[in-house]
C-alpha atoms as a PDB file:
ATOM      1  CA  MET A   1       0.000   0.000   0.000  1.00  0.00           C
ATOM      2  CA  THR A   2       2.836   2.411   0.861  1.00  0.00           C
ATOM      3  CA  ARG A   3       4.462   1.686  -2.525  1.00  0.00           C
ATOM      4  CA  ILE A   4       1.217   2.484  -4.337  1.00  0.00           C
ATOM      5  CA  VAL A   5       0.765   5.801  -2.491  1.00  0.00           C
ATOM      6  CA  ALA A   6       4.422   6.738  -3.064  1.00  0.00           C
ATOM      7  CA  GLY A   7       4.057   5.860  -6.738  1.00  0.00           C
ATOM      8  CA  LEU A   8       0.919   7.985  -7.075  1.00  0.00           C
ATOM      9  CA  VAL A   9       2.590  10.937  -5.346  1.00  0.00           C
ATOM     10  CA  LEU A  10       5.624  10.632  -7.636  1.00  0.00           C
ATOM     11  CA  LEU A  11       3.388  10.349 -10.709  1.00  0.00           C
ATOM     12  CA  SER A  12       1.392  13.450  -9.722  1.00  0.00           C
ATOM     13  CA  VAL A  13       4.591  15.459  -9.114  1.00  0.00           C
ATOM     14  CA  LEU A  14       6.023  14.417 -12.500  1.00  0.00           C
ATOM     15  CA  SER A  15       2.834  15.420 -14.313  1.00  0.00           C
ATOM     16  CA  VAL A  16       2.746  18.973 -12.978  1.00  0.00           C
ATOM     17  CA  PRO A  17       3.441  21.167 -16.036  1.00  0.00           C
ATOM     18  CA  ALA A  18       5.441  23.744 -14.075  1.00  0.00           C
ATOM     19  CA  LEU A  19       7.930  21.057 -13.042  1.00  0.00           C
ATOM     20  CA  THR A  20       8.271  19.477 -16.499  1.00  0.00           C
ATOM     21  CA  PRO A  21      11.003  21.088 -18.603  1.00  0.00           C
ATOM     22  CA  LYS A  22       9.649  22.568 -21.835  1.00  0.00           C
ATOM     23  CA  THR A  23      10.942  20.880 -24.989  1.00  0.00           C
ATOM     24  CA  GLU A  24      12.949  23.358 -27.029  1.00  0.00           C
ATOM     25  CA  LYS A  25      11.872  23.498 -30.652  1.00  0.00           C
ATOM     26  CA  LYS A  26      14.426  24.900 -33.088  1.00  0.00           C
ATOM     27  CA  SER A  27      13.482  25.866 -36.643  1.00  0.00           C
ATOM     28  CA  VAL A  28      16.395  25.506 -39.017  1.00  0.00           C
ATOM     29  CA  GLY A  29      16.802  26.035 -42.729  1.00  0.00           C
ATOM     30  CA  ALA A  30      14.571  29.089 -43.110  1.00  0.00           C
ATOM     31  CA  GLU A  31      16.636  29.932 -46.199  1.00  0.00           C
ATOM     32  CA  LEU A  32      14.973  26.997 -47.984  1.00  0.00           C
ATOM     33  CA  VAL A  33      11.534  28.613 -48.092  1.00  0.00           C
ATOM     34  CA  PRO A  34      10.270  31.902 -49.520  1.00  0.00           C
ATOM     35  CA  ALA A  35      10.073  34.881 -47.179  1.00  0.00           C
ATOM     36  CA  GLY A  36       6.764  34.927 -45.347  1.00  0.00           C
ATOM     37  CA  ALA A  37       6.205  31.163 -45.622  1.00  0.00           C
ATOM     38  CA  LEU A  38       4.136  29.851 -42.743  1.00  0.00           C
ATOM     39  CA  TYR A  39       6.149  26.698 -42.111  1.00  0.00           C
ATOM     40  CA  SER A  40       9.654  25.615 -41.212  1.00  0.00           C
ATOM     41  CA  PRO A  41      11.416  23.354 -43.714  1.00  0.00           C
ATOM     42  CA  ARG A  42      12.843  21.404 -40.805  1.00  0.00           C
ATOM     43  CA  VAL A  43      12.417  21.512 -37.063  1.00  0.00           C
ATOM     44  CA  LEU A  44      14.851  20.014 -34.589  1.00  0.00           C
ATOM     45  CA  VAL A  45      13.451  18.932 -31.219  1.00  0.00           C
ATOM     46  CA  GLY A  46      16.179  17.412 -29.084  1.00  0.00           C
ATOM     47  CA  ASP A  47      17.746  14.713 -31.272  1.00  0.00           C
ATOM     48  CA  THR A  48      14.711  14.399 -33.548  1.00  0.00           C
ATOM     49  CA  LEU A  49      14.539  16.166 -36.909  1.00  0.00           C
ATOM     50  CA  TYR A  50      11.183  16.747 -38.612  1.00  0.00           C
ATOM     51  CA  ILE A  51      11.534  17.495 -42.337  1.00  0.00           C
ATOM     52  CA  SER A  52       8.615  19.190 -44.086  1.00  0.00           C
ATOM     53  CA  GLY A  53       7.439  17.819 -47.417  1.00  0.00           C
ATOM     54  CA  LEU A  54      10.128  18.264 -50.052  1.00  0.00           C
ATOM     55  CA  GLN A  55       9.634  18.079 -53.788  1.00  0.00           C
ATOM     56  CA  GLY A  56      11.918  17.095 -56.645  1.00  0.00           C
ATOM     57  CA  THR A  57      12.976  20.564 -57.716  1.00  0.00           C
ATOM     58  CA  ASP A  58      16.479  20.938 -59.067  1.00  0.00           C
ATOM     59  CA  PRO A  59      18.568  22.672 -56.366  1.00  0.00           C
ATOM     60  CA  GLN A  60      20.314  24.890 -58.959  1.00  0.00           C
ATOM     61  CA  THR A  61      17.367  26.007 -61.095  1.00  0.00           C
ATOM     62  CA  HIS A  62      14.520  25.468 -58.597  1.00  0.00           C
ATOM     63  CA  THR A  63      12.459  23.917 -61.398  1.00  0.00           C
ATOM     64  CA  LEU A  64      10.870  20.491 -61.715  1.00  0.00           C
ATOM     65  CA  PRO A  65      12.327  18.123 -64.298  1.00  0.00           C
ATOM     66  CA  HIS A  66       9.993  16.816 -67.017  1.00  0.00           C
ATOM     67  CA  ASP A  67      10.948  13.204 -66.255  1.00  0.00           C
ATOM     68  CA  PHE A  68       9.294  11.566 -63.210  1.00  0.00           C
ATOM     69  CA  GLY A  69      12.350   9.390 -62.481  1.00  0.00           C
ATOM     70  CA  GLN A  70      14.582  12.457 -62.250  1.00  0.00           C
ATOM     71  CA  GLU A  71      11.984  14.271 -60.143  1.00  0.00           C
ATOM     72  CA  ALA A  72      11.891  11.352 -57.689  1.00  0.00           C
ATOM     73  CA  LYS A  73      15.734  11.216 -57.556  1.00  0.00           C
ATOM     74  CA  ASN A  74      15.859  14.957 -56.898  1.00  0.00           C
ATOM     75  CA  CYS A  75      13.243  14.569 -54.166  1.00  0.00           C
ATOM     76  CA  LEU A  76      15.267  11.898 -52.350  1.00  0.00           C
ATOM     77  CA  ALA A  77      18.469  13.910 -52.869  1.00  0.00           C
ATOM     78  CA  ASN A  78      16.774  17.002 -51.399  1.00  0.00           C
ATOM     79  CA  VAL A  79      15.890  14.957 -48.301  1.00  0.00           C
ATOM     80  CA  GLY A  80      19.571  13.966 -48.148  1.00  0.00           C
ATOM     81  CA  ARG A  81      20.685  17.610 -48.334  1.00  0.00           C
ATOM     82  CA  VAL A  82      18.501  18.568 -45.386  1.00  0.00           C
ATOM     83  CA  LEU A  83      19.760  15.570 -43.427  1.00  0.00           C
ATOM     84  CA  LYS A  84      23.388  16.472 -44.171  1.00  0.00           C
ATOM     85  CA  ASP A  85      22.811  20.120 -43.218  1.00  0.00           C
ATOM     86  CA  SER A  86      21.480  18.793 -39.899  1.00  0.00           C
ATOM     87  CA  GLY A  87      24.471  16.494 -39.259  1.00  0.00           C
ATOM     88  CA  MET A  88      22.598  13.341 -40.243  1.00  0.00           C
ATOM     89  CA  ASP A  89      22.242  10.979 -43.203  1.00  0.00           C
ATOM     90  CA  TYR A  90      19.714   8.516 -44.619  1.00  0.00           C
ATOM     91  CA  ALA A  91      20.565   5.968 -41.906  1.00  0.00           C
ATOM     92  CA  ASN A  92      19.098   8.400 -39.338  1.00  0.00           C
ATOM     93  CA  VAL A  93      15.661   8.418 -41.007  1.00  0.00           C
ATOM     94  CA  VAL A  94      13.074   6.559 -38.921  1.00  0.00           C
ATOM     95  CA  SER A  95       9.926   7.448 -40.870  1.00  0.00           C
ATOM     96  CA  LEU A  96       8.980   8.648 -44.360  1.00  0.00           C
ATOM     97  CA  GLN A  97       5.710   9.873 -45.807  1.00  0.00           C
ATOM     98  CA  ILE A  98       5.621   9.733 -49.606  1.00  0.00           C
ATOM     99  CA  TYR A  99       2.879  11.503 -51.558  1.00  0.00           C
ATOM    100  CA  LEU A 100       2.360  10.537 -55.204  1.00  0.00           C
ATOM    101  CA  VAL A 101      -0.029  12.048 -57.721  1.00  0.00           C
ATOM    102  CA  ASP A 102      -0.070   8.673 -59.523  1.00  0.00           C
ATOM    103  CA  ILE A 103       0.217   5.549 -57.375  1.00  0.00           C
ATOM    104  CA  ALA A 104       1.178   3.613 -60.531  1.00  0.00           C
ATOM    105  CA  GLN A 105       4.635   5.200 -60.093  1.00  0.00           C
ATOM    106  CA  PHE A 106       5.080   3.455 -56.742  1.00  0.00           C
ATOM    107  CA  GLN A 107       7.308   0.687 -58.167  1.00  0.00           C
ATOM    108  CA  GLU A 108       9.655   3.243 -59.726  1.00  0.00           C
ATOM    109  CA  VAL A 109       9.893   5.079 -56.394  1.00  0.00           C
ATOM    110  CA  ASN A 110      10.409   1.783 -54.573  1.00  0.00           C
ATOM    111  CA  SER A 111      13.339   0.908 -56.866  1.00  0.00           C
ATOM    112  CA  LEU A 112      14.978   4.276 -56.181  1.00  0.00           C
ATOM    113  CA  TYR A 113      14.227   3.967 -52.455  1.00  0.00           C
ATOM    114  CA  LYS A 114      16.535   0.937 -52.229  1.00  0.00           C
ATOM    115  CA  GLU A 115      19.433   3.087 -53.501  1.00  0.00           C
ATOM    116  CA  TYR A 116      19.091   5.473 -50.541  1.00  0.00           C
ATOM    117  CA  PHE A 117      17.932   3.312 -47.626  1.00  0.00           C
ATOM    118  CA  GLU A 118      19.192   0.052 -46.163  1.00  0.00           C
ATOM    119  CA  SER A 119      17.764  -2.504 -43.780  1.00  0.00           C
ATOM    120  CA  PRO A 120      16.438  -1.921 -41.229  1.00  0.00           C
ATOM    121  CA  PHE A 121      14.306   0.358 -43.400  1.00  0.00           C
ATOM    122  CA  PRO A 122      12.441   3.345 -41.957  1.00  0.00           C
ATOM    123  CA  SER A 123       8.714   3.054 -41.414  1.00  0.00           C
ATOM    124  CA  ARG A 124       6.986   4.365 -44.516  1.00  0.00           C
ATOM    125  CA  THR A 125       3.594   5.521 -45.686  1.00  0.00           C
ATOM    126  CA  THR A 126       2.903   6.043 -49.386  1.00  0.00           C
ATOM    127  CA  VAL A 127      -0.374   7.569 -50.516  1.00  0.00           C
ATOM    128  CA  GLN A 128      -1.861   8.892 -53.714  1.00  0.00           C
ATOM    129  CA  VAL A 129      -3.044  12.495 -53.645  1.00  0.00           C
ATOM    130  CA  SER A 130      -5.037  14.397 -56.229  1.00  0.00           C
ATOM    131  CA  LYS A 131      -2.579  17.274 -56.612  1.00  0.00           C
ATOM    132  CA  LEU A 132       0.670  18.711 -55.215  1.00  0.00           C
ATOM    133  CA  SER A 133       1.911  22.300 -55.272  1.00  0.00           C
ATOM    134  CA  LEU A 134       4.077  23.554 -58.147  1.00  0.00           C
ATOM    135  CA  GLY A 135       2.754  20.755 -60.378  1.00  0.00           C
ATOM    136  CA  SER A 136       4.975  18.253 -58.571  1.00  0.00           C
ATOM    137  CA  HIS A 137       4.313  14.521 -58.917  1.00  0.00           C
ATOM    138  CA  ILE A 138       6.037  13.475 -55.670  1.00  0.00           C
ATOM    139  CA  GLU A 139       6.621  14.945 -52.224  1.00  0.00           C
ATOM    140  CA  ILE A 140       8.449  13.380 -49.287  1.00  0.00           C
ATOM    141  CA  ALA A 141       8.341  14.304 -45.587  1.00  0.00           C
ATOM    142  CA  ALA A 142      10.631  12.580 -43.096  1.00  0.00           C
ATOM    143  CA  ILE A 143      11.501  12.167 -39.446  1.00  0.00           C
ATOM    144  CA  ALA A 144      15.101  11.422 -38.477  1.00  0.00           C
ATOM    145  CA  ARG A 145      16.822  10.842 -35.157  1.00  0.00           C
ATOM    146  CA  LYS A 146      20.473  11.140 -34.135  1.00  0.00           C
END
């Protein structure tokens, strides 16, 4: 009985918001989005990096290629750039969300995926959407951990 009461007291003390340290959220990479954008391209919370949806734009020209395969490669490479800028690489990725305008292109994406990720693979969700901004055919969001 004493253990139960002590446990409940400890639990109630740990749940008091004033005693729980606030998690520091750090937005990084603001240079990757246009001025006035209402999102952060990546947010670092502790050792966890949250990468906003990235598209397959060419990093030099900021345009989308006409070929889906190249667009998908650029998209995965853009994820890699953000990871590298954050001191991480593809091995740090724990979860991916892939958005495709045409789910029939899933096999092509899956083939490319194997060039960037190794077992144990990150968790992954792939869904078809009706439309993406800029006329993109693919967008990838990711979560990585040091």
